[in-house]
N, C-alpha and C. Protein backbone atom coordinates (compact mmCIF):
# COMPACT_ATOMS: atom_id res chain seq x y z
N MET A 1 -5.54 -35.99 116.69
CA MET A 1 -4.93 -37.29 116.53
C MET A 1 -4.55 -38.24 117.50
N ILE A 2 -4.23 -39.82 116.45
CA ILE A 2 -4.78 -40.30 117.86
C ILE A 2 -3.26 -41.39 116.92
N VAL A 3 -2.16 -41.45 116.80
CA VAL A 3 -1.28 -42.21 116.58
C VAL A 3 -0.34 -42.97 116.88
N GLY A 4 -0.85 -44.82 116.11
CA GLY A 4 -0.11 -45.65 116.73
C GLY A 4 1.28 -46.43 116.24
N TYR A 5 2.24 -46.50 117.44
CA TYR A 5 3.21 -47.79 116.00
C TYR A 5 3.52 -48.81 117.01
N VAL A 6 3.96 -49.46 115.68
CA VAL A 6 4.09 -50.87 115.88
C VAL A 6 5.75 -51.00 116.43
N GLY A 7 5.92 -51.78 117.47
CA GLY A 7 7.61 -51.43 117.09
C GLY A 7 7.47 -53.14 116.24
N TYR A 8 8.95 -53.16 116.33
CA TYR A 8 9.79 -54.93 115.31
C TYR A 8 9.55 -55.60 116.80
N SER A 9 9.82 -56.38 116.31
CA SER A 9 9.39 -58.23 117.07
C SER A 9 9.28 -59.87 115.71
N ASN A 10 10.14 -60.34 116.04
CA ASN A 10 10.33 -61.80 116.07
C ASN A 10 9.14 -62.76 115.92
N GLU A 11 7.99 -62.02 116.76
CA GLU A 11 7.26 -63.10 116.69
C GLU A 11 5.95 -62.45 116.09
N ASP A 12 5.23 -63.16 115.36
CA ASP A 12 4.45 -62.84 114.10
C ASP A 12 3.51 -62.33 114.91
N HIS A 13 2.66 -63.09 116.03
CA HIS A 13 1.93 -63.61 116.74
C HIS A 13 1.36 -61.68 117.84
N THR A 14 2.78 -61.01 117.95
CA THR A 14 3.31 -60.04 118.58
C THR A 14 2.64 -58.57 117.91
N LEU A 15 2.77 -58.61 116.41
CA LEU A 15 2.81 -58.06 115.77
C LEU A 15 1.50 -56.94 115.69
N GLU A 16 0.42 -58.75 115.37
CA GLU A 16 -1.26 -58.81 115.81
C GLU A 16 -1.75 -58.52 116.12
N LEU A 17 -0.78 -59.10 117.59
CA LEU A 17 -1.48 -57.94 119.24
C LEU A 17 -0.67 -56.71 119.45
N GLN A 18 0.01 -56.51 119.16
CA GLN A 18 0.21 -54.31 119.08
C GLN A 18 -0.92 -53.91 118.39
N ILE A 19 -0.78 -54.35 117.05
CA ILE A 19 -2.05 -53.70 115.70
C ILE A 19 -3.33 -53.68 116.60
N GLU A 20 -3.59 -55.28 117.48
CA GLU A 20 -5.49 -55.47 118.02
C GLU A 20 -5.03 -53.96 118.72
N THR A 21 -4.37 -54.18 119.84
CA THR A 21 -4.63 -53.37 121.06
C THR A 21 -4.65 -52.01 120.56
N LEU A 22 -3.43 -51.33 119.22
CA LEU A 22 -3.65 -50.23 119.60
C LEU A 22 -5.39 -49.72 118.92
N LYS A 23 -5.61 -50.38 117.81
CA LYS A 23 -7.13 -50.82 117.34
C LYS A 23 -7.53 -50.24 118.60
N LYS A 24 -8.32 -50.86 119.53
CA LYS A 24 -9.10 -51.13 120.23
C LYS A 24 -8.61 -49.69 120.79
N TYR A 25 -7.28 -49.16 121.76
CA TYR A 25 -7.78 -47.86 121.82
C TYR A 25 -8.09 -46.87 121.07
N GLY A 26 -8.41 -46.82 119.72
CA GLY A 26 -9.06 -45.72 119.14
C GLY A 26 -7.70 -45.51 117.99
N CYS A 27 -6.99 -45.95 118.07
CA CYS A 27 -5.76 -44.97 116.51
C CYS A 27 -5.99 -44.76 115.33
N ASN A 28 -5.71 -43.42 115.54
CA ASN A 28 -6.39 -43.37 113.92
C ASN A 28 -5.53 -43.67 112.15
N GLN A 29 -4.54 -43.90 112.93
CA GLN A 29 -3.16 -44.36 112.17
C GLN A 29 -2.25 -45.32 112.53
N ILE A 30 -1.72 -46.22 111.92
CA ILE A 30 -0.63 -47.02 112.82
C ILE A 30 0.12 -46.87 111.69
N PHE A 31 1.55 -47.14 113.11
CA PHE A 31 2.95 -47.13 111.55
C PHE A 31 3.40 -48.30 111.88
N HIS A 32 4.75 -49.45 111.18
CA HIS A 32 4.85 -50.04 111.50
C HIS A 32 6.23 -49.66 111.05
N SER A 33 7.25 -50.08 112.26
CA SER A 33 8.86 -49.76 111.77
C SER A 33 9.32 -50.09 111.14
N LYS A 34 9.31 -51.36 110.83
CA LYS A 34 9.83 -51.43 109.32
C LYS A 34 9.84 -50.46 108.57
N ASN A 35 8.50 -50.09 107.81
CA ASN A 35 7.92 -49.03 107.50
C ASN A 35 8.55 -47.66 107.30
N ILE A 36 8.79 -47.14 108.45
CA ILE A 36 8.58 -45.79 109.50
C ILE A 36 9.88 -45.20 110.37
N GLN A 37 10.66 -44.77 110.05
CA GLN A 37 11.04 -45.11 111.64
C GLN A 37 10.72 -43.51 113.12
N VAL A 38 10.82 -44.86 114.39
CA VAL A 38 9.79 -43.31 115.29
C VAL A 38 10.55 -41.66 115.02
N LEU A 39 11.04 -41.25 114.56
CA LEU A 39 11.48 -39.65 114.42
C LEU A 39 11.08 -39.35 113.72
N ARG A 40 10.41 -40.07 112.12
CA ARG A 40 10.21 -39.23 111.38
C ARG A 40 8.86 -39.58 111.53
N ILE A 41 7.56 -40.46 111.99
CA ILE A 41 7.01 -40.61 112.91
C ILE A 41 6.40 -39.25 113.89
N LEU A 42 7.07 -39.25 114.51
CA LEU A 42 6.74 -37.99 114.84
C LEU A 42 6.90 -36.67 114.87
N ASP A 43 7.58 -36.41 113.86
CA ASP A 43 7.88 -34.95 113.29
C ASP A 43 6.04 -34.54 112.41
N LEU A 44 5.46 -35.70 111.99
CA LEU A 44 4.08 -35.78 111.29
C LEU A 44 3.30 -34.80 112.50
N LEU A 45 3.39 -35.23 113.67
CA LEU A 45 2.28 -34.62 115.36
C LEU A 45 2.41 -33.51 115.69
N LYS A 46 1.74 -32.50 116.33
CA LYS A 46 1.55 -31.88 116.68
C LYS A 46 1.51 -32.10 118.32
N PRO A 47 1.71 -30.38 119.02
CA PRO A 47 1.66 -31.10 120.06
C PRO A 47 0.51 -31.24 120.98
N GLY A 48 -0.58 -31.71 121.39
CA GLY A 48 -1.59 -32.54 121.76
C GLY A 48 -2.29 -33.37 121.02
N ASP A 49 -1.65 -34.09 119.94
CA ASP A 49 -1.73 -35.10 119.60
C ASP A 49 -1.16 -36.76 120.53
N ILE A 50 -1.55 -37.47 120.07
CA ILE A 50 -1.54 -38.80 120.56
C ILE A 50 -0.57 -40.02 120.78
N PHE A 51 0.41 -39.86 120.75
CA PHE A 51 1.74 -41.20 120.11
C PHE A 51 1.62 -42.64 121.51
N VAL A 52 0.92 -43.79 120.45
CA VAL A 52 0.41 -44.80 121.45
C VAL A 52 1.64 -45.82 120.71
N VAL A 53 1.93 -46.27 121.94
CA VAL A 53 2.62 -47.99 121.87
C VAL A 53 1.63 -48.89 122.80
N ARG A 54 2.09 -49.69 122.46
CA ARG A 54 1.27 -51.25 123.46
C ARG A 54 2.09 -51.23 125.01
N LYS A 55 3.68 -51.24 124.47
CA LYS A 55 5.51 -51.27 125.65
C LYS A 55 5.50 -50.68 124.45
N LEU A 56 6.81 -50.08 125.78
CA LEU A 56 7.97 -49.05 125.95
C LEU A 56 9.08 -50.64 125.09
N LYS A 57 9.17 -51.26 124.47
CA LYS A 57 10.14 -52.65 124.45
C LYS A 57 9.69 -52.60 123.46
N HIS A 58 8.48 -52.34 122.66
CA HIS A 58 8.54 -51.94 121.36
C HIS A 58 8.48 -50.10 120.16
N LEU A 59 9.18 -49.73 121.80
CA LEU A 59 9.83 -48.87 121.02
C LEU A 59 10.97 -48.12 120.80
N ALA A 60 11.59 -48.82 121.50
CA ALA A 60 13.54 -48.61 120.93
C ALA A 60 13.87 -49.97 121.57
N HIS A 61 14.78 -50.30 120.98
CA HIS A 61 16.17 -50.82 121.25
C HIS A 61 16.69 -51.35 122.33
N SER A 62 17.12 -49.59 122.04
CA SER A 62 18.42 -49.79 123.97
C SER A 62 17.46 -48.78 124.90
N ILE A 63 17.73 -48.71 126.01
CA ILE A 63 17.58 -47.87 126.66
C ILE A 63 18.53 -45.67 126.36
N THR A 64 18.98 -45.86 125.70
CA THR A 64 19.42 -44.86 124.93
C THR A 64 18.55 -43.97 123.68
N GLN A 65 18.63 -45.32 123.09
CA GLN A 65 17.30 -45.14 122.12
C GLN A 65 16.27 -44.13 122.47
N LEU A 66 15.79 -45.10 123.39
CA LEU A 66 14.40 -44.53 124.36
C LEU A 66 14.46 -43.51 125.18
N PHE A 67 15.47 -42.45 125.55
CA PHE A 67 15.54 -41.80 125.83
C PHE A 67 15.55 -40.63 124.90
N LYS A 68 16.40 -41.08 124.56
CA LYS A 68 16.15 -39.56 122.56
C LYS A 68 14.79 -39.95 122.33
N ILE A 69 14.14 -40.48 121.87
CA ILE A 69 12.53 -40.22 121.83
C ILE A 69 11.37 -40.05 122.59
N THR A 70 11.83 -40.12 124.08
CA THR A 70 10.60 -40.14 124.53
C THR A 70 10.95 -38.43 125.49
N ASN A 71 12.38 -37.94 125.35
CA ASN A 71 12.78 -36.89 125.02
C ASN A 71 12.18 -36.22 124.20
N TYR A 72 12.05 -36.28 123.41
CA TYR A 72 12.14 -35.52 121.38
C TYR A 72 10.09 -35.82 121.77
N ILE A 73 9.63 -36.70 122.22
CA ILE A 73 8.28 -36.59 122.16
C ILE A 73 8.17 -35.42 123.37
N GLN A 74 8.83 -35.35 124.89
CA GLN A 74 8.63 -33.93 125.19
C GLN A 74 8.44 -32.75 124.32
N GLU A 75 9.28 -32.60 124.50
CA GLU A 75 10.19 -31.53 123.90
C GLU A 75 8.67 -30.68 122.93
N LYS A 76 8.66 -31.90 121.76
CA LYS A 76 7.72 -31.35 121.07
C LYS A 76 6.24 -31.16 120.93
N GLY A 77 5.18 -31.99 122.77
CA GLY A 77 4.42 -30.89 123.20
C GLY A 77 3.31 -32.43 122.87
N ILE A 78 3.72 -33.46 122.72
CA ILE A 78 2.75 -34.27 122.19
C ILE A 78 3.02 -35.13 123.31
N ILE A 79 1.33 -36.05 123.41
CA ILE A 79 1.01 -37.25 124.26
C ILE A 79 1.77 -38.09 124.24
N PHE A 80 2.26 -39.31 124.98
CA PHE A 80 2.38 -40.35 125.22
C PHE A 80 1.69 -41.39 126.14
N VAL A 81 1.44 -42.38 125.31
CA VAL A 81 0.91 -43.27 126.39
C VAL A 81 1.38 -45.00 125.75
N SER A 82 1.77 -45.74 126.55
CA SER A 82 2.16 -46.80 126.38
C SER A 82 1.05 -47.38 127.10
N ILE A 83 0.47 -48.32 126.69
CA ILE A 83 -0.93 -49.50 127.27
C ILE A 83 -0.52 -50.16 127.97
N GLU A 84 -0.02 -50.85 128.16
CA GLU A 84 0.15 -52.14 129.07
C GLU A 84 1.51 -51.51 129.60
N ASP A 85 2.10 -50.47 129.65
CA ASP A 85 3.04 -50.09 131.10
C ASP A 85 2.30 -49.10 131.90
N GLN A 86 0.97 -48.75 131.34
CA GLN A 86 0.60 -47.29 132.28
C GLN A 86 0.86 -46.92 132.20
N ILE A 87 2.00 -45.97 131.46
CA ILE A 87 2.31 -44.71 130.89
C ILE A 87 1.22 -43.30 130.26
N ASP A 88 0.62 -42.18 130.75
CA ASP A 88 0.27 -41.42 129.73
C ASP A 88 0.36 -40.26 130.30
N THR A 89 0.89 -39.02 129.09
CA THR A 89 1.07 -38.03 130.12
C THR A 89 -0.12 -37.32 130.08
N ARG A 90 -0.31 -37.39 129.37
CA ARG A 90 -2.06 -36.84 130.24
C ARG A 90 -2.46 -36.77 131.99
N ILE A 91 -1.94 -37.45 132.51
CA ILE A 91 -2.21 -37.68 134.02
C ILE A 91 -0.95 -37.55 134.60
N SER A 92 -0.46 -37.34 136.37
CA SER A 92 -0.25 -37.52 137.47
C SER A 92 1.23 -37.89 137.11
N MET A 93 0.72 -39.71 136.78
CA MET A 93 1.38 -40.52 137.11
C MET A 93 2.52 -40.08 135.89
N GLY A 94 1.40 -40.45 134.56
CA GLY A 94 2.37 -40.65 133.30
C GLY A 94 3.50 -39.27 132.80
N LYS A 95 3.95 -38.03 133.61
CA LYS A 95 4.83 -37.50 133.92
C LYS A 95 5.28 -37.49 135.04
N ILE A 96 5.20 -38.75 135.98
CA ILE A 96 6.30 -38.69 136.82
C ILE A 96 7.40 -39.42 136.17
N MET A 97 6.82 -40.82 134.96
CA MET A 97 7.74 -41.64 134.97
C MET A 97 8.42 -40.89 133.40
N PHE A 98 7.87 -40.50 132.54
CA PHE A 98 8.61 -39.51 131.84
C PHE A 98 10.08 -38.63 132.74
N LYS A 99 9.37 -38.14 133.91
CA LYS A 99 10.15 -36.97 134.27
C LYS A 99 12.10 -38.10 134.59
N THR A 100 11.17 -39.35 135.50
CA THR A 100 12.03 -40.31 136.10
C THR A 100 12.84 -40.93 134.54
N LEU A 101 12.23 -40.89 133.76
CA LEU A 101 12.74 -42.33 132.34
C LEU A 101 14.40 -40.21 132.06
N GLU A 102 13.65 -38.63 132.46
CA GLU A 102 14.82 -38.02 132.30
C GLU A 102 16.09 -38.32 132.63
N ILE A 103 15.67 -38.03 134.45
CA ILE A 103 16.21 -38.43 135.34
C ILE A 103 17.96 -39.44 135.57
N LEU A 104 16.95 -40.55 134.59
CA LEU A 104 17.82 -41.57 134.25
C LEU A 104 18.79 -41.99 133.19
N ASN A 105 18.24 -40.39 132.55
CA ASN A 105 18.73 -40.27 131.10
C ASN A 105 20.18 -39.06 131.83
N GLU A 106 19.81 -38.44 132.49
CA GLU A 106 20.61 -37.47 132.68
C GLU A 106 22.22 -38.15 133.98
N PHE A 107 21.65 -39.23 134.22
CA PHE A 107 21.84 -39.34 135.69
C PHE A 107 22.84 -40.87 134.38
N ASN A 108 22.53 -41.47 133.49
CA ASN A 108 23.55 -42.14 132.85
C ASN A 108 25.03 -41.53 132.02
N ARG A 109 24.26 -39.93 131.43
CA ARG A 109 25.07 -39.28 130.89
C ARG A 109 26.57 -38.83 131.85
N ASN A 110 25.92 -38.74 133.05
CA ASN A 110 26.61 -37.79 133.97
C ASN A 110 27.88 -39.86 134.00
N ILE A 111 27.60 -40.46 134.48
CA ILE A 111 28.26 -41.66 135.08
C ILE A 111 29.07 -41.68 133.74
N LEU A 112 28.58 -41.67 132.49
CA LEU A 112 29.38 -42.03 131.29
C LEU A 112 30.72 -40.75 131.29
N HIS A 113 30.19 -39.84 131.48
CA HIS A 113 31.31 -38.69 131.15
C HIS A 113 31.90 -38.80 132.61
N GLU A 114 31.81 -38.67 133.37
CA GLU A 114 32.52 -39.21 135.03
C GLU A 114 33.89 -40.78 134.78
N ARG A 115 33.10 -41.58 134.26
CA ARG A 115 34.30 -42.93 133.53
C ARG A 115 35.36 -42.09 132.96
N LYS A 116 34.50 -41.50 131.18
CA LYS A 116 35.67 -40.82 130.29
C LYS A 116 37.05 -40.06 131.25
N VAL A 117 36.38 -39.23 132.17
CA VAL A 117 37.56 -38.46 133.03
C VAL A 117 37.75 -39.33 134.15
N ALA A 118 37.76 -40.10 134.91
CA ALA A 118 38.65 -40.47 135.83
C ALA A 118 39.10 -41.45 134.10
N GLY A 119 38.77 -42.43 133.81
CA GLY A 119 40.29 -43.47 132.67
C GLY A 119 40.78 -42.26 132.29
N LEU A 120 40.84 -41.03 131.76
CA LEU A 120 41.99 -39.89 131.26
C LEU A 120 43.13 -39.73 132.66
N LYS A 121 42.56 -39.36 134.38
CA LYS A 121 43.23 -39.44 134.84
C LYS A 121 44.35 -40.13 135.24
N THR A 122 44.03 -41.60 135.11
CA THR A 122 44.44 -42.73 135.60
C THR A 122 45.96 -43.00 134.55
N GLY A 123 45.19 -42.87 133.46
CA GLY A 123 45.77 -42.70 132.29
C GLY A 123 47.05 -42.36 131.89
N ARG A 124 46.48 -40.95 132.34
CA ARG A 124 47.73 -39.78 132.03
C ARG A 124 49.17 -40.28 132.77
N PRO A 125 49.38 -40.44 133.92
CA PRO A 125 50.93 -41.23 134.45
C PRO A 125 50.93 -42.15 133.57
N ARG A 126 50.71 -42.92 133.08
CA ARG A 126 51.23 -44.40 132.77
C ARG A 126 51.34 -43.65 130.60
N GLY A 127 51.25 -42.76 130.51
CA GLY A 127 51.45 -41.80 128.99
C GLY A 127 50.60 -42.23 128.38
N ARG A 128 49.10 -42.40 128.38
CA ARG A 128 48.17 -41.73 127.83
C ARG A 128 47.10 -40.73 127.97
N ASN A 129 47.73 -40.10 126.93
CA ASN A 129 46.57 -38.77 126.99
C ASN A 129 44.57 -38.92 126.32
N GLY A 130 44.33 -39.72 125.67
CA GLY A 130 43.02 -40.01 125.28
C GLY A 130 43.21 -39.39 123.95
N GLY A 131 42.11 -39.35 123.05
CA GLY A 131 41.91 -39.32 121.33
C GLY A 131 42.64 -40.34 120.80
N ARG A 132 42.75 -39.52 119.86
CA ARG A 132 43.90 -41.26 118.67
C ARG A 132 45.05 -41.16 119.07
N PRO A 133 45.97 -42.31 118.51
CA PRO A 133 46.77 -42.35 118.98
C PRO A 133 47.53 -41.31 117.59
N LYS A 134 48.72 -41.05 117.25
CA LYS A 134 49.60 -40.26 116.46
C LYS A 134 49.88 -40.94 115.42
N VAL A 135 50.58 -40.40 114.24
CA VAL A 135 50.10 -41.62 113.13
C VAL A 135 51.82 -41.42 112.86
N ASN A 136 52.71 -42.22 112.91
CA ASN A 136 54.07 -42.34 112.31
C ASN A 136 53.86 -41.34 111.07
N GLN A 137 54.79 -39.57 110.96
CA GLN A 137 54.59 -39.20 109.70
C GLN A 137 55.90 -39.95 108.56
N GLN A 138 56.48 -41.18 109.03
CA GLN A 138 57.05 -41.58 107.96
C GLN A 138 56.82 -42.06 107.17
N LYS A 139 55.95 -43.40 108.19
CA LYS A 139 55.70 -44.31 107.48
C LYS A 139 54.13 -43.96 106.40
N LEU A 140 53.88 -42.85 106.99
CA LEU A 140 52.31 -42.20 106.40
C LEU A 140 53.25 -41.46 104.80
N ASN A 141 54.69 -40.88 104.69
CA ASN A 141 54.80 -40.73 104.22
C ASN A 141 55.15 -41.65 102.58
N GLU A 142 55.45 -42.57 103.34
CA GLU A 142 55.79 -44.22 102.62
C GLU A 142 54.36 -44.23 101.96
N ALA A 143 53.54 -44.45 102.61
CA ALA A 143 52.38 -45.06 101.89
C ALA A 143 51.88 -43.72 100.76
N ILE A 144 52.30 -42.58 101.26
CA ILE A 144 51.46 -42.17 100.03
C ILE A 144 53.03 -42.17 99.08
N SER A 145 53.76 -42.47 98.60
CA SER A 145 54.44 -42.60 97.80
C SER A 145 54.23 -44.02 96.79
N LEU A 146 54.27 -44.37 97.60
CA LEU A 146 53.22 -45.85 97.34
C LEU A 146 52.28 -45.82 96.66
N TYR A 147 51.24 -45.25 97.09
CA TYR A 147 49.91 -44.82 96.40
C TYR A 147 50.06 -43.98 95.11
N LEU A 148 51.15 -43.34 95.31
CA LEU A 148 51.58 -42.25 93.49
C LEU A 148 52.08 -43.24 92.86
N SER A 149 52.92 -43.89 93.35
CA SER A 149 53.24 -44.49 92.49
C SER A 149 52.76 -45.67 91.64
N ARG A 150 51.47 -46.37 92.26
CA ARG A 150 50.52 -47.20 91.32
C ARG A 150 51.23 -48.13 91.11
N LYS A 151 51.66 -48.65 91.66
CA LYS A 151 52.89 -50.39 91.71
C LYS A 151 51.82 -51.52 92.56
N ILE A 152 51.11 -50.94 93.92
CA ILE A 152 50.92 -51.72 94.58
C ILE A 152 49.25 -51.26 94.98
N THR A 153 48.53 -51.99 95.60
CA THR A 153 47.15 -51.83 95.50
C THR A 153 47.40 -51.07 96.89
N VAL A 154 45.65 -50.13 97.70
CA VAL A 154 46.16 -49.99 98.72
C VAL A 154 46.00 -50.43 99.85
N LEU A 155 45.23 -51.73 99.77
CA LEU A 155 44.94 -53.50 100.64
C LEU A 155 46.86 -53.53 100.88
N GLN A 156 47.51 -53.21 100.08
CA GLN A 156 49.29 -53.74 100.12
C GLN A 156 50.03 -53.88 101.16
N ILE A 157 49.41 -51.91 100.13
CA ILE A 157 49.97 -50.27 100.90
C ILE A 157 49.90 -50.42 102.65
N GLN A 158 48.56 -50.81 103.28
CA GLN A 158 47.91 -51.41 104.44
C GLN A 158 48.75 -51.84 105.25
N GLU A 159 48.76 -53.05 104.38
CA GLU A 159 49.52 -54.18 105.58
C GLU A 159 51.27 -53.90 105.65
N ALA A 160 51.86 -53.11 104.29
CA ALA A 160 53.27 -52.74 104.38
C ALA A 160 53.54 -51.70 105.27
N THR A 161 52.39 -50.63 105.88
CA THR A 161 52.61 -49.65 106.77
C THR A 161 52.68 -49.28 107.48
N GLY A 162 51.23 -49.96 107.54
CA GLY A 162 50.62 -49.88 108.80
C GLY A 162 49.46 -48.87 109.23
N ILE A 163 49.53 -48.18 107.98
CA ILE A 163 48.20 -46.99 107.73
C ILE A 163 46.88 -47.38 107.16
N SER A 164 46.14 -47.10 107.84
CA SER A 164 44.95 -47.19 107.76
C SER A 164 44.22 -46.75 106.59
N ARG A 165 43.54 -47.40 105.61
CA ARG A 165 42.47 -46.33 104.22
C ARG A 165 42.60 -45.21 104.50
N THR A 166 41.79 -45.39 105.13
CA THR A 166 41.34 -43.66 106.19
C THR A 166 41.90 -42.73 105.92
N THR A 167 43.61 -43.67 106.60
CA THR A 167 44.14 -41.81 106.97
C THR A 167 45.50 -41.67 105.51
N LEU A 168 45.32 -42.48 105.30
CA LEU A 168 45.31 -42.62 103.62
C LEU A 168 44.88 -41.70 103.14
N TYR A 169 43.52 -41.80 102.71
CA TYR A 169 42.80 -41.17 101.67
C TYR A 169 42.67 -39.34 102.25
N ARG A 170 42.48 -39.64 103.93
CA ARG A 170 42.39 -38.60 104.76
C ARG A 170 43.56 -37.18 103.82
N SER A 171 44.95 -38.05 104.26
CA SER A 171 46.02 -37.08 104.16
C SER A 171 45.99 -36.70 102.89
N LEU A 172 45.68 -37.84 101.87
CA LEU A 172 45.99 -37.37 100.35
C LEU A 172 44.63 -36.28 99.91
N LYS A 173 43.62 -36.18 100.75
CA LYS A 173 42.76 -35.27 100.17
C LYS A 173 43.40 -33.91 100.44
N LYS A 174 43.85 -33.73 102.10
CA LYS A 174 44.89 -32.79 102.39
C LYS A 174 45.68 -32.06 101.66
N ILE A 175 46.70 -33.18 100.71
CA ILE A 175 47.00 -32.78 99.68
C ILE A 175 47.10 -32.30 98.51
N LYS A 176 45.83 -32.43 97.84
CA LYS A 176 45.09 -31.97 96.69
C LYS A 176 45.08 -30.54 97.35
N LYS A 177 44.50 -30.69 98.79
CA LYS A 177 43.27 -28.89 98.29
C LYS A 177 45.17 -27.97 98.79
């Protein structure tokens, strides 16, 4: 089965051009991004099916999303074709492009991890250990008391104590258990 995917575009003529290009390629079905998410389309496909886009830019809105989608395609054994980028995973050059994307994804993850570790190392001497800051227990108890008294609204409690609504509700949930 040959399935085409029309990615979101602000320009109507681009949508028409995508559809026309996919039809010329021989797509049996064409899905549009406003109707269905890419990963849901890929779930419908079996190994050996062909998934076609006009350009890579129509497949994802970010490089992270592109990596996620291309990894999923590779894991499922789906053949991927990007017509104008000349990527076809049935041929060597297309496989190389996919491997390159995989390497770039791993490189990106490693850089993010290294930055996080470096940030933690430089922050520790200044008293920063990472993670969420500790909640002031006294203010939290005050917020809980105010909430249980039902005299003021949650927004007013938040303004008076500095305790977020989420923290307050999470603490109340723990108390109820």
